Structure formats: C-alpha cells, structure tokens
C-alpha atoms as a PDB file:
ATOM      1  CA  MET A   1     -37.745 -46.957   3.039  1.00  0.00           C
ATOM      2  CA  PHE A   2     -34.548 -46.463   5.218  1.00  0.00           C
ATOM      3  CA  ALA A   3     -31.607 -44.459   3.419  1.00  0.00           C
ATOM      4  CA  ALA A   4     -28.263 -44.938   5.250  1.00  0.00           C
ATOM      5  CA  ARG A   5     -26.630 -41.481   5.985  1.00  0.00           C
ATOM      6  CA  ALA A   6     -23.165 -43.000   7.032  1.00  0.00           C
ATOM      7  CA  ALA A   7     -21.187 -45.923   7.424  1.00  0.00           C
ATOM      8  CA  VAL A   8     -19.008 -46.759   9.913  1.00  0.00           C
ATOM      9  CA  PHE A   9     -15.721 -48.784   9.488  1.00  0.00           C
ATOM     10  CA  ASP A  10     -14.080 -50.309  12.824  1.00  0.00           C
ATOM     11  CA  LEU A  11     -10.477 -51.910  12.488  1.00  0.00           C
ATOM     12  CA  ASP A  12      -9.198 -51.177  15.906  1.00  0.00           C
ATOM     13  CA  CYS A  13     -10.210 -54.357  17.722  1.00  0.00           C
ATOM     14  CA  THR A  14     -13.642 -53.203  18.884  1.00  0.00           C
ATOM     15  CA  LEU A  15     -15.510 -55.083  16.012  1.00  0.00           C
ATOM     16  CA  VAL A  16     -12.889 -56.686  14.105  1.00  0.00           C
ATOM     17  CA  ASP A  17      -9.220 -57.769  15.283  1.00  0.00           C
ATOM     18  CA  THR A  18      -7.043 -57.250  12.230  1.00  0.00           C
ATOM     19  CA  LEU A  19      -3.619 -56.657  13.711  1.00  0.00           C
ATOM     20  CA  ASP A  20      -2.583 -60.143  12.994  1.00  0.00           C
ATOM     21  CA  ARG A  21      -3.391 -59.886   9.223  1.00  0.00           C
ATOM     22  CA  PHE A  22      -1.575 -56.425   9.156  1.00  0.00           C
ATOM     23  CA  PHE A  23       1.390 -58.259  10.607  1.00  0.00           C
ATOM     24  CA  GLU A  24       1.430 -61.096   8.183  1.00  0.00           C
ATOM     25  CA  VAL A  25       0.744 -58.296   4.928  1.00  0.00           C
ATOM     26  CA  PHE A  26       3.748 -56.131   6.374  1.00  0.00           C
ATOM     27  CA  ASN A  27       6.118 -59.086   6.361  1.00  0.00           C
ATOM     28  CA  GLU A  28       4.955 -60.229   2.921  1.00  0.00           C
ATOM     29  CA  LEU A  29       5.662 -56.811   1.731  1.00  0.00           C
ATOM     30  CA  LEU A  30       9.060 -56.794   3.286  1.00  0.00           C
ATOM     31  CA  LYS A  31       9.861 -60.199   1.798  1.00  0.00           C
ATOM     32  CA  ASN A  32       8.827 -58.719  -1.864  1.00  0.00           C
ATOM     33  CA  TYR A  33      11.129 -55.960  -1.443  1.00  0.00           C
ATOM     34  CA  GLY A  34      14.111 -58.163  -0.424  1.00  0.00           C
ATOM     35  CA  LYS A  35      14.026 -57.272   3.148  1.00  0.00           C
ATOM     36  CA  PRO A  36      14.205 -59.330   6.201  1.00  0.00           C
ATOM     37  CA  SER A  37      10.805 -60.019   8.224  1.00  0.00           C
ATOM     38  CA  ILE A  38      10.375 -58.520  11.691  1.00  0.00           C
ATOM     39  CA  THR A  39       9.358 -59.997  14.981  1.00  0.00           C
ATOM     40  CA  TRP A  40       5.725 -59.527  16.424  1.00  0.00           C
ATOM     41  CA  GLU A  41       7.370 -57.363  19.226  1.00  0.00           C
ATOM     42  CA  LYS A  42       9.116 -54.899  16.651  1.00  0.00           C
ATOM     43  CA  PHE A  43       5.824 -54.532  14.777  1.00  0.00           C
ATOM     44  CA  TYR A  44       3.634 -54.071  17.974  1.00  0.00           C
ATOM     45  CA  GLU A  45       6.057 -51.160  19.275  1.00  0.00           C
END
C-alpha cells in the first residue's frame, strides 16, 4: 500500500490559474466594506 508523505498545492499558474478568481474575491471584499472596486491593472501591480 502507498502512503503519501507530502501534498503539493500549486496556485501560481503552473497547474491552476486562480488570479482571476482572486481579483473577483478581492473586489467582493472591498464592496462588502463599502469601498470602491479596483481595476485589474491596479490589482496586478
């Protein structure tokens, strides 16, 4: 039987591109706190 000794999580666009979702969630949080949303360019800086 194989026992896993480690797990690798990759969220930096090598396996999974999640930056778009992070941008959406960040703007949702800003909205929840009554702040204006930001542009993609500002987020990506």
